[in-house]
Amino acid sequence: MSYLFFSAMSKLNPAYRGEDAKNTTAKRHELKLQTLNYGCMFGVNGMLCSCNEKVLPEKRWEIIADAEAGNICGGDVMIMDHLPSLSKPGALVMDMDMTTVQIEGIDEIARRLGVYEQVAAITSEAMHGNLDFATSLKRRVAMLKGGSAAVLDEVKKIMTETCGLKELMGVVTLAGWKKAVCSGGFTQLIDVIDKKYGLDLIKANTLAVSDGCFTGEVAGEIVDAEAKRRGVLEIMERYSIPKEQVIVIGDGANDLKMMQEGGLGIAYWAKPKVRAQAPQVLSRSYLSAVALLLMLNS
């Protein structure tokens, strides 16, 4: 059995109809789909369908590529072999920068210290998967040396939550799910999200500070792709949550490993290399689409 979830944002694609997306997919890819549930909530139009047989990997990627090209009525399609349920214990694990919030934290710190262009160029290379993350982080953090740590407060003020985060956090919190941020970003910025939503686990880097200035180093172990993957396993073990009840969302190359550990791993408005390797892809829907999926399966 496979499950297909079709979604699109009402304000981005007001003419979208899940029924049309379902029929288009069924016809183009020769699938027999049965509607399980549908609805419009959180500004998302969505339809959950089942397929009596598992969608083979090669066909799965064909369908995702078709949606990526805009051929499934301009919406997203996620294909799953099992569905997470709000009626059971679960966990939501998210990346921070450009997933939970719409900034690259280190780039914004660098902007205020006059080294934005140099740092942002390295960030882009790392997030596209063209540069080892740990190496890139050391190089970028070194450029901050001597800068005032007071700029952290300035960056916090411009942190904008990703569309749909509030709705997604609200749905999983009400269900008693655990919430985590596993990020290559910085604990000093994730603190804002923690205070608002009450995170159960944070795995992230910490900028070393001495006498009110950045030392140009990371305090403690660098949280790279492998450390983020271990973070997912940690929250599963700590709270006895099975893999199929774990949702992992990220946008960068350093998120791919932790996406594989979740029962539902989603590349959110991600870089091309990441979309090509991620288990699931959302490129036209906001985080509230994930909230709607959970509600449709509740």
C-alpha atoms as a PDB file:
ATOM      1  CA  MET A   1       0.000   0.000   0.000  1.00  0.00           C
ATOM      2  CA  SER A   2       1.199   3.496  -0.868  1.00  0.00           C
ATOM      3  CA  TYR A   3      -0.278   6.838   0.073  1.00  0.00           C
ATOM      4  CA  LEU A   4      -0.204   9.988  -2.046  1.00  0.00           C
ATOM      5  CA  PHE A   5      -0.781  13.453  -0.616  1.00  0.00           C
ATOM      6  CA  PHE A   6      -1.554  16.271  -3.053  1.00  0.00           C
ATOM      7  CA  SER A   7      -1.297  19.860  -1.844  1.00  0.00           C
ATOM      8  CA  ALA A   8      -1.131  23.481  -2.935  1.00  0.00           C
ATOM      9  CA  MET A   9      -1.428  26.829  -1.179  1.00  0.00           C
ATOM     10  CA  SER A  10      -4.706  28.656  -1.756  1.00  0.00           C
ATOM     11  CA  LYS A  11      -3.058  32.066  -2.106  1.00  0.00           C
ATOM     12  CA  LEU A  12      -0.345  30.790  -4.450  1.00  0.00           C
ATOM     13  CA  ASN A  13      -2.606  28.621  -6.596  1.00  0.00           C
ATOM     14  CA  PRO A  14      -6.259  29.605  -5.936  1.00  0.00           C
ATOM     15  CA  ALA A  15      -7.599  27.485  -8.819  1.00  0.00           C
ATOM     16  CA  TYR A  16      -5.989  24.270  -7.546  1.00  0.00           C
ATOM     17  CA  ARG A  17      -8.218  21.219  -7.133  1.00  0.00           C
ATOM     18  CA  GLY A  18      -6.956  18.088  -5.449  1.00  0.00           C
ATOM     19  CA  GLU A  19      -9.326  15.981  -7.510  1.00  0.00           C
ATOM     20  CA  ASP A  20      -7.748  17.304 -10.702  1.00  0.00           C
ATOM     21  CA  ALA A  21      -4.252  16.603  -9.376  1.00  0.00           C
ATOM     22  CA  LYS A  22      -5.277  13.085  -8.399  1.00  0.00           C
ATOM     23  CA  ASN A  23      -6.804  12.364 -11.806  1.00  0.00           C
ATOM     24  CA  THR A  24      -3.848  13.882 -13.661  1.00  0.00           C
ATOM     25  CA  THR A  25      -1.393  11.742 -11.685  1.00  0.00           C
ATOM     26  CA  ALA A  26      -3.463   8.593 -12.114  1.00  0.00           C
ATOM     27  CA  LYS A  27      -3.693   9.077 -15.873  1.00  0.00           C
ATOM     28  CA  ARG A  28      -0.087  10.141 -16.499  1.00  0.00           C
ATOM     29  CA  HIS A  29       1.417   7.404 -14.331  1.00  0.00           C
ATOM     30  CA  GLU A  30      -1.184   4.632 -14.677  1.00  0.00           C
ATOM     31  CA  LEU A  31      -2.134   4.411 -11.025  1.00  0.00           C
ATOM     32  CA  LYS A  32      -5.401   3.395  -9.442  1.00  0.00           C
ATOM     33  CA  LEU A  33      -5.960   5.930  -6.674  1.00  0.00           C
ATOM     34  CA  GLN A  34      -8.668   5.987  -4.030  1.00  0.00           C
ATOM     35  CA  THR A  35      -9.522   9.174  -2.150  1.00  0.00           C
ATOM     36  CA  LEU A  36      -9.202   8.757   1.623  1.00  0.00           C
ATOM     37  CA  ASN A  37      -9.762  12.330   2.773  1.00  0.00           C
ATOM     38  CA  TYR A  38      -9.568  15.879   1.518  1.00  0.00           C
ATOM     39  CA  GLY A  39      -9.921  19.380   2.890  1.00  0.00           C
ATOM     40  CA  CYS A  40      -8.806  22.984   3.006  1.00  0.00           C
ATOM     41  CA  MET A  41      -7.188  24.106   6.226  1.00  0.00           C
ATOM     42  CA  PHE A  42      -4.404  26.498   7.178  1.00  0.00           C
ATOM     43  CA  GLY A  43      -4.608  27.993   3.682  1.00  0.00           C
ATOM     44  CA  VAL A  44      -3.805  24.644   2.061  1.00  0.00           C
ATOM     45  CA  ASN A  45      -5.884  22.619  -0.362  1.00  0.00           C
ATOM     46  CA  GLY A  46      -5.038  18.959   0.126  1.00  0.00           C
ATOM     47  CA  MET A  47      -6.146  15.467  -0.807  1.00  0.00           C
ATOM     48  CA  LEU A  48      -4.964  12.191   0.693  1.00  0.00           C
ATOM     49  CA  CYS A  49      -5.213   9.106  -1.515  1.00  0.00           C
ATOM     50  CA  SER A  50      -4.224   5.463  -1.347  1.00  0.00           C
ATOM     51  CA  CYS A  51      -2.858   3.106  -3.967  1.00  0.00           C
ATOM     52  CA  ASN A  52      -3.471  -0.601  -3.428  1.00  0.00           C
ATOM     53  CA  GLU A  53       0.065  -1.470  -4.497  1.00  0.00           C
ATOM     54  CA  LYS A  54       3.313   0.140  -3.414  1.00  0.00           C
ATOM     55  CA  VAL A  55       4.517   2.768  -5.849  1.00  0.00           C
ATOM     56  CA  LEU A  56       7.847   1.471  -7.137  1.00  0.00           C
ATOM     57  CA  PRO A  57      10.898   3.683  -6.493  1.00  0.00           C
ATOM     58  CA  GLU A  58      11.412   4.526 -10.156  1.00  0.00           C
ATOM     59  CA  LYS A  59       7.766   5.520 -10.592  1.00  0.00           C
ATOM     60  CA  ARG A  60       7.882   7.448  -7.332  1.00  0.00           C
ATOM     61  CA  TRP A  61      10.670   9.634  -8.689  1.00  0.00           C
ATOM     62  CA  GLU A  62       8.877  10.030 -12.004  1.00  0.00           C
ATOM     63  CA  ILE A  63       5.832  11.411 -10.204  1.00  0.00           C
ATOM     64  CA  ILE A  64       7.863  13.714  -7.981  1.00  0.00           C
ATOM     65  CA  ALA A  65       9.778  15.009 -11.014  1.00  0.00           C
ATOM     66  CA  ASP A  66       6.465  15.535 -12.783  1.00  0.00           C
ATOM     67  CA  ALA A  67       5.218  17.636  -9.874  1.00  0.00           C
ATOM     68  CA  GLU A  68       8.516  19.514  -9.750  1.00  0.00           C
ATOM     69  CA  ALA A  69       8.042  20.416 -13.401  1.00  0.00           C
ATOM     70  CA  GLY A  70       4.613  21.812 -12.590  1.00  0.00           C
ATOM     71  CA  ASN A  71       2.706  19.080 -14.416  1.00  0.00           C
ATOM     72  CA  ILE A  72       0.526  17.958 -11.493  1.00  0.00           C
ATOM     73  CA  CYS A  73      -1.771  20.989 -11.586  1.00  0.00           C
ATOM     74  CA  GLY A  74       1.032  23.150 -10.197  1.00  0.00           C
ATOM     75  CA  GLY A  75       0.979  21.469  -6.793  1.00  0.00           C
ATOM     76  CA  ASP A  76       3.092  19.133  -4.685  1.00  0.00           C
ATOM     77  CA  VAL A  77       2.881  15.358  -4.388  1.00  0.00           C
ATOM     78  CA  MET A  78       4.302  13.322  -1.514  1.00  0.00           C
ATOM     79  CA  ILE A  79       4.334   9.513  -1.771  1.00  0.00           C
ATOM     80  CA  MET A  80       4.564   7.456   1.417  1.00  0.00           C
ATOM     81  CA  ASP A  81       4.456   3.795   2.385  1.00  0.00           C
ATOM     82  CA  HIS A  82       3.018   4.667   5.800  1.00  0.00           C
ATOM     83  CA  LEU A  83       1.357   7.684   7.394  1.00  0.00           C
ATOM     84  CA  PRO A  84       2.298   9.299  10.705  1.00  0.00           C
ATOM     85  CA  SER A  85      -0.660   9.565  13.071  1.00  0.00           C
ATOM     86  CA  LEU A  86      -1.452  12.249  15.631  1.00  0.00           C
ATOM     87  CA  SER A  87      -3.154   9.594  17.756  1.00  0.00           C
ATOM     88  CA  LYS A  88       0.229   8.014  18.538  1.00  0.00           C
ATOM     89  CA  PRO A  89       3.406   9.434  20.113  1.00  0.00           C
ATOM     90  CA  GLY A  90       5.528  11.172  17.491  1.00  0.00           C
ATOM     91  CA  ALA A  91       8.263  13.706  16.878  1.00  0.00           C
ATOM     92  CA  LEU A  92       8.832  16.638  14.558  1.00  0.00           C
ATOM     93  CA  VAL A  93      12.492  17.359  13.828  1.00  0.00           C
ATOM     94  CA  MET A  94      13.397  20.456  11.824  1.00  0.00           C
ATOM     95  CA  ASP A  95      16.392  22.269  10.484  1.00  0.00           C
ATOM     96  CA  MET A  96      16.613  25.931  11.493  1.00  0.00           C
ATOM     97  CA  ASP A  97      17.893  28.294   8.792  1.00  0.00           C
ATOM     98  CA  MET A  98      15.593  28.555   5.735  1.00  0.00           C
ATOM     99  CA  THR A  99      13.373  25.815   7.180  1.00  0.00           C
ATOM    100  CA  THR A 100      12.097  26.976  10.574  1.00  0.00           C
ATOM    101  CA  VAL A 101      13.011  30.614   9.915  1.00  0.00           C
ATOM    102  CA  GLN A 102      13.671  32.450   6.669  1.00  0.00           C
ATOM    103  CA  ILE A 103      17.237  33.604   7.233  1.00  0.00           C
ATOM    104  CA  GLU A 104      20.702  32.110   7.111  1.00  0.00           C
ATOM    105  CA  GLY A 105      21.806  33.058  10.604  1.00  0.00           C
ATOM    106  CA  ILE A 106      25.544  33.174  10.001  1.00  0.00           C
ATOM    107  CA  ASP A 107      25.078  35.275   6.875  1.00  0.00           C
ATOM    108  CA  GLU A 108      23.058  37.852   8.800  1.00  0.00           C
ATOM    109  CA  ILE A 109      25.641  37.949  11.577  1.00  0.00           C
ATOM    110  CA  ALA A 110      28.323  38.439   8.935  1.00  0.00           C
ATOM    111  CA  ARG A 111      26.310  41.237   7.275  1.00  0.00           C
ATOM    112  CA  ARG A 112      26.419  43.230  10.497  1.00  0.00           C
ATOM    113  CA  LEU A 113      30.138  42.635  10.867  1.00  0.00           C
ATOM    114  CA  GLY A 114      31.000  43.718   7.317  1.00  0.00           C
ATOM    115  CA  VAL A 115      31.964  40.286   5.948  1.00  0.00           C
ATOM    116  CA  TYR A 116      28.658  39.257   4.402  1.00  0.00           C
ATOM    117  CA  GLU A 117      29.786  38.581   0.821  1.00  0.00           C
ATOM    118  CA  GLN A 118      32.671  36.351   1.853  1.00  0.00           C
ATOM    119  CA  VAL A 119      30.588  34.338   4.326  1.00  0.00           C
ATOM    120  CA  ALA A 120      27.443  34.067   2.165  1.00  0.00           C
ATOM    121  CA  ALA A 121      29.426  32.672  -0.772  1.00  0.00           C
ATOM    122  CA  ILE A 122      30.697  29.809   1.400  1.00  0.00           C
ATOM    123  CA  THR A 123      27.221  29.226   2.890  1.00  0.00           C
ATOM    124  CA  SER A 124      25.750  28.829  -0.582  1.00  0.00           C
ATOM    125  CA  GLU A 125      28.409  26.308  -1.596  1.00  0.00           C
ATOM    126  CA  ALA A 126      27.819  24.255   1.552  1.00  0.00           C
ATOM    127  CA  MET A 127      24.007  24.249   1.330  1.00  0.00           C
ATOM    128  CA  HIS A 128      24.115  23.184  -2.315  1.00  0.00           C
ATOM    129  CA  GLY A 129      26.306  20.252  -1.324  1.00  0.00           C
ATOM    130  CA  ASN A 130      29.439  21.503  -3.055  1.00  0.00           C
ATOM    131  CA  LEU A 131      31.522  21.945   0.105  1.00  0.00           C
ATOM    132  CA  ASP A 132      32.014  19.886   3.270  1.00  0.00           C
ATOM    133  CA  PHE A 133      29.847  21.457   5.978  1.00  0.00           C
ATOM    134  CA  ALA A 134      32.282  21.253   8.904  1.00  0.00           C
ATOM    135  CA  THR A 135      35.066  22.801   6.843  1.00  0.00           C
ATOM    136  CA  SER A 136      32.773  25.515   5.563  1.00  0.00           C
ATOM    137  CA  LEU A 137      31.528  26.339   9.063  1.00  0.00           C
ATOM    138  CA  LYS A 138      35.044  26.694  10.462  1.00  0.00           C
ATOM    139  CA  ARG A 139      35.980  29.011   7.612  1.00  0.00           C
ATOM    140  CA  ARG A 140      32.893  31.164   8.064  1.00  0.00           C
ATOM    141  CA  VAL A 141      33.050  31.372  11.843  1.00  0.00           C
ATOM    142  CA  ALA A 142      36.731  32.355  11.646  1.00  0.00           C
ATOM    143  CA  MET A 143      35.674  35.424   9.644  1.00  0.00           C
ATOM    144  CA  LEU A 144      33.570  36.598  12.592  1.00  0.00           C
ATOM    145  CA  LYS A 145      36.559  36.804  14.948  1.00  0.00           C
ATOM    146  CA  GLY A 146      36.658  40.013  16.951  1.00  0.00           C
ATOM    147  CA  GLY A 147      33.117  41.013  16.049  1.00  0.00           C
ATOM    148  CA  SER A 148      30.681  42.090  18.758  1.00  0.00           C
ATOM    149  CA  ALA A 149      28.366  39.333  19.941  1.00  0.00           C
ATOM    150  CA  ALA A 150      25.736  42.026  20.468  1.00  0.00           C
ATOM    151  CA  VAL A 151      24.768  41.597  16.798  1.00  0.00           C
ATOM    152  CA  LEU A 152      23.021  38.366  17.812  1.00  0.00           C
ATOM    153  CA  ASP A 153      20.217  40.441  19.309  1.00  0.00           C
ATOM    154  CA  GLU A 154      19.923  42.394  16.060  1.00  0.00           C
ATOM    155  CA  VAL A 155      19.638  39.178  14.048  1.00  0.00           C
ATOM    156  CA  LYS A 156      16.965  37.817  16.381  1.00  0.00           C
ATOM    157  CA  LYS A 157      14.823  40.858  15.633  1.00  0.00           C
ATOM    158  CA  ILE A 158      14.766  40.128  11.890  1.00  0.00           C
ATOM    159  CA  MET A 159      14.160  36.387  12.171  1.00  0.00           C
ATOM    160  CA  THR A 160      10.958  35.645  10.271  1.00  0.00           C
ATOM    161  CA  GLU A 161       9.236  32.325  10.848  1.00  0.00           C
ATOM    162  CA  THR A 162       8.671  30.188   7.773  1.00  0.00           C
ATOM    163  CA  CYS A 163       5.081  30.285   6.517  1.00  0.00           C
ATOM    164  CA  GLY A 164       3.034  27.575   8.186  1.00  0.00           C
ATOM    165  CA  LEU A 165       5.411  26.958  11.095  1.00  0.00           C
ATOM    166  CA  LYS A 166       2.908  28.244  13.650  1.00  0.00           C
ATOM    167  CA  GLU A 167       0.193  25.935  12.325  1.00  0.00           C
ATOM    168  CA  LEU A 168       2.474  22.898  12.181  1.00  0.00           C
ATOM    169  CA  MET A 169       3.852  23.479  15.658  1.00  0.00           C
ATOM    170  CA  GLY A 170       0.342  24.003  16.967  1.00  0.00           C
ATOM    171  CA  VAL A 171      -0.951  20.721  15.537  1.00  0.00           C
ATOM    172  CA  VAL A 172       1.901  18.559  16.843  1.00  0.00           C
ATOM    173  CA  THR A 173       1.955  20.300  20.233  1.00  0.00           C
ATOM    174  CA  LEU A 174      -1.763  19.675  20.722  1.00  0.00           C
ATOM    175  CA  ALA A 175      -1.157  16.001  19.947  1.00  0.00           C
ATOM    176  CA  GLY A 176       1.635  15.822  22.522  1.00  0.00           C
ATOM    177  CA  TRP A 177       4.363  15.199  19.960  1.00  0.00           C
ATOM    178  CA  LYS A 178       7.976  16.001  20.754  1.00  0.00           C
ATOM    179  CA  LYS A 179       9.643  18.870  18.907  1.00  0.00           C
ATOM    180  CA  ALA A 180      13.311  19.260  18.025  1.00  0.00           C
ATOM    181  CA  VAL A 181      15.624  21.488  16.036  1.00  0.00           C
ATOM    182  CA  CYS A 182      18.759  19.824  14.658  1.00  0.00           C
ATOM    183  CA  SER A 183      20.732  22.506  12.896  1.00  0.00           C
ATOM    184  CA  GLY A 184      24.114  23.553  11.632  1.00  0.00           C
ATOM    185  CA  GLY A 185      23.104  27.003  12.881  1.00  0.00           C
ATOM    186  CA  PHE A 186      23.546  28.442  16.330  1.00  0.00           C
ATOM    187  CA  THR A 187      21.943  27.809  19.711  1.00  0.00           C
ATOM    188  CA  GLN A 188      22.022  31.547  20.425  1.00  0.00           C
ATOM    189  CA  LEU A 189      19.434  32.091  17.651  1.00  0.00           C
ATOM    190  CA  ILE A 190      17.423  28.883  18.104  1.00  0.00           C
ATOM    191  CA  ASP A 191      16.723  30.149  21.630  1.00  0.00           C
ATOM    192  CA  VAL A 192      13.949  32.322  20.126  1.00  0.00           C
ATOM    193  CA  ILE A 193      12.123  29.282  18.727  1.00  0.00           C
ATOM    194  CA  ASP A 194      12.698  27.316  21.913  1.00  0.00           C
ATOM    195  CA  LYS A 195      11.136  30.012  24.086  1.00  0.00           C
ATOM    196  CA  LYS A 196       8.091  30.275  21.825  1.00  0.00           C
ATOM    197  CA  TYR A 197       7.358  26.609  21.113  1.00  0.00           C
ATOM    198  CA  GLY A 198       9.111  24.684  23.892  1.00  0.00           C
ATOM    199  CA  LEU A 199      11.556  22.383  22.115  1.00  0.00           C
ATOM    200  CA  ASP A 200      12.335  18.983  23.584  1.00  0.00           C
ATOM    201  CA  LEU A 201      15.756  18.726  21.942  1.00  0.00           C
ATOM    202  CA  ILE A 202      18.217  21.153  20.360  1.00  0.00           C
ATOM    203  CA  LYS A 203      21.268  19.979  18.439  1.00  0.00           C
ATOM    204  CA  ALA A 204      23.190  22.954  17.079  1.00  0.00           C
ATOM    205  CA  ASN A 205      26.456  24.829  17.135  1.00  0.00           C
ATOM    206  CA  THR A 206      27.391  27.498  19.645  1.00  0.00           C
ATOM    207  CA  LEU A 207      29.482  30.515  18.717  1.00  0.00           C
ATOM    208  CA  ALA A 208      32.309  30.926  21.222  1.00  0.00           C
ATOM    209  CA  VAL A 209      32.305  34.367  22.844  1.00  0.00           C
ATOM    210  CA  SER A 210      34.933  36.029  25.036  1.00  0.00           C
ATOM    211  CA  ASP A 211      34.679  39.518  26.515  1.00  0.00           C
ATOM    212  CA  GLY A 212      31.604  40.205  24.425  1.00  0.00           C
ATOM    213  CA  CYS A 213      33.271  39.325  21.107  1.00  0.00           C
ATOM    214  CA  PHE A 214      33.302  36.281  18.860  1.00  0.00           C
ATOM    215  CA  THR A 215      36.496  34.259  19.169  1.00  0.00           C
ATOM    216  CA  GLY A 216      36.238  32.928  15.630  1.00  0.00           C
ATOM    217  CA  GLU A 217      35.625  29.387  16.864  1.00  0.00           C
ATOM    218  CA  VAL A 218      32.744  27.044  17.567  1.00  0.00           C
ATOM    219  CA  ALA A 219      32.365  26.053  21.219  1.00  0.00           C
ATOM    220  CA  GLY A 220      32.359  22.259  21.475  1.00  0.00           C
ATOM    221  CA  GLU A 221      31.695  19.670  18.796  1.00  0.00           C
ATOM    222  CA  ILE A 222      30.607  20.891  15.378  1.00  0.00           C
ATOM    223  CA  VAL A 223      27.064  19.826  14.536  1.00  0.00           C
ATOM    224  CA  ASP A 224      27.303  18.595  10.964  1.00  0.00           C
ATOM    225  CA  ALA A 225      25.128  16.218   8.929  1.00  0.00           C
ATOM    226  CA  GLU A 226      26.146  13.188  10.987  1.00  0.00           C
ATOM    227  CA  ALA A 227      25.492  14.957  14.291  1.00  0.00           C
ATOM    228  CA  LYS A 228      22.066  16.031  13.036  1.00  0.00           C
ATOM    229  CA  ARG A 229      21.320  12.415  12.100  1.00  0.00           C
ATOM    230  CA  ARG A 230      22.276  11.325  15.611  1.00  0.00           C
ATOM    231  CA  GLY A 231      19.951  13.991  16.978  1.00  0.00           C
ATOM    232  CA  VAL A 232      16.984  12.310  15.281  1.00  0.00           C
ATOM    233  CA  LEU A 233      17.995   8.942  16.718  1.00  0.00           C
ATOM    234  CA  GLU A 234      18.397  10.528  20.145  1.00  0.00           C
ATOM    235  CA  ILE A 235      14.879  11.922  20.319  1.00  0.00           C
ATOM    236  CA  MET A 236      13.502   8.591  19.080  1.00  0.00           C
ATOM    237  CA  GLU A 237      15.379   6.680  21.772  1.00  0.00           C
ATOM    238  CA  ARG A 238      14.748   9.161  24.565  1.00  0.00           C
ATOM    239  CA  TYR A 239      10.982   9.158  24.085  1.00  0.00           C
ATOM    240  CA  SER A 240      10.525   5.641  22.603  1.00  0.00           C
ATOM    241  CA  ILE A 241       9.161   6.949  19.309  1.00  0.00           C
ATOM    242  CA  PRO A 242       9.153   4.564  16.305  1.00  0.00           C
ATOM    243  CA  LYS A 243      10.652   5.701  13.013  1.00  0.00           C
ATOM    244  CA  GLU A 244       7.313   5.788  11.199  1.00  0.00           C
ATOM    245  CA  GLN A 245       6.119   8.427  13.677  1.00  0.00           C
ATOM    246  CA  VAL A 246       9.011  10.824  13.033  1.00  0.00           C
ATOM    247  CA  ILE A 247       8.805  13.717  10.567  1.00  0.00           C
ATOM    248  CA  VAL A 248      12.084  15.363   9.550  1.00  0.00           C
ATOM    249  CA  ILE A 249      12.154  18.584   7.523  1.00  0.00           C
ATOM    250  CA  GLY A 250      15.148  20.427   6.085  1.00  0.00           C
ATOM    251  CA  ASP A 251      16.397  22.302   3.044  1.00  0.00           C
ATOM    252  CA  GLY A 252      20.157  21.811   2.801  1.00  0.00           C
ATOM    253  CA  ALA A 253      22.575  19.078   1.810  1.00  0.00           C
ATOM    254  CA  ASN A 254      23.508  18.616   5.469  1.00  0.00           C
ATOM    255  CA  ASP A 255      19.876  17.642   6.174  1.00  0.00           C
ATOM    256  CA  LEU A 256      19.777  14.591   3.899  1.00  0.00           C
ATOM    257  CA  LYS A 257      21.165  12.145   6.456  1.00  0.00           C
ATOM    258  CA  MET A 258      18.645  13.075   9.105  1.00  0.00           C
ATOM    259  CA  MET A 259      15.793  12.991   6.580  1.00  0.00           C
ATOM    260  CA  GLN A 260      16.607   9.330   5.947  1.00  0.00           C
ATOM    261  CA  GLU A 261      16.164   8.549   9.649  1.00  0.00           C
ATOM    262  CA  GLY A 262      12.607   9.850   9.719  1.00  0.00           C
ATOM    263  CA  GLY A 263       9.563   7.925   8.637  1.00  0.00           C
ATOM    264  CA  LEU A 264       8.636  11.024   6.644  1.00  0.00           C
ATOM    265  CA  GLY A 265      11.664  13.030   5.466  1.00  0.00           C
ATOM    266  CA  ILE A 266      10.825  16.224   3.584  1.00  0.00           C
ATOM    267  CA  ALA A 267      13.002  18.593   1.573  1.00  0.00           C
ATOM    268  CA  TYR A 268      11.334  21.971   2.030  1.00  0.00           C
ATOM    269  CA  TRP A 269      11.798  24.508  -0.817  1.00  0.00           C
ATOM    270  CA  ALA A 270      15.243  22.986  -1.090  1.00  0.00           C
ATOM    271  CA  LYS A 271      18.281  23.268  -3.330  1.00  0.00           C
ATOM    272  CA  PRO A 272      18.217  21.151  -6.541  1.00  0.00           C
ATOM    273  CA  LYS A 273      20.711  18.551  -5.333  1.00  0.00           C
ATOM    274  CA  VAL A 274      18.749  18.124  -2.128  1.00  0.00           C
ATOM    275  CA  ARG A 275      15.397  17.763  -3.903  1.00  0.00           C
ATOM    276  CA  ALA A 276      16.918  15.094  -6.141  1.00  0.00           C
ATOM    277  CA  GLN A 277      17.960  12.961  -3.154  1.00  0.00           C
ATOM    278  CA  ALA A 278      15.313  13.640  -0.505  1.00  0.00           C
ATOM    279  CA  PRO A 279      12.596  11.076   0.312  1.00  0.00           C
ATOM    280  CA  GLN A 280       9.832  13.700  -0.134  1.00  0.00           C
ATOM    281  CA  VAL A 281       9.699  17.188  -1.615  1.00  0.00           C
ATOM    282  CA  LEU A 282       7.599  20.287  -0.940  1.00  0.00           C
ATOM    283  CA  SER A 283       8.360  23.086  -3.388  1.00  0.00           C
ATOM    284  CA  ARG A 284       4.953  24.746  -3.832  1.00  0.00           C
ATOM    285  CA  SER A 285       3.365  24.310  -0.415  1.00  0.00           C
ATOM    286  CA  TYR A 286       4.243  25.796   2.965  1.00  0.00           C
ATOM    287  CA  LEU A 287       4.855  23.951   6.238  1.00  0.00           C
ATOM    288  CA  SER A 288       1.118  24.113   6.927  1.00  0.00           C
ATOM    289  CA  ALA A 289       0.728  21.405   4.250  1.00  0.00           C
ATOM    290  CA  VAL A 290       2.393  18.977   6.666  1.00  0.00           C
ATOM    291  CA  ALA A 291      -0.080  20.075   9.356  1.00  0.00           C
ATOM    292  CA  LEU A 292      -2.951  19.402   6.947  1.00  0.00           C
ATOM    293  CA  LEU A 293      -1.589  15.955   6.081  1.00  0.00           C
ATOM    294  CA  LEU A 294      -1.566  15.047   9.755  1.00  0.00           C
ATOM    295  CA  MET A 295      -5.087  16.360  10.206  1.00  0.00           C
ATOM    296  CA  LEU A 296      -6.403  14.446   7.182  1.00  0.00           C
ATOM    297  CA  ASN A 297      -4.977  11.267   8.677  1.00  0.00           C
ATOM    298  CA  SER A 298      -6.267  11.971  12.185  1.00  0.00           C
END
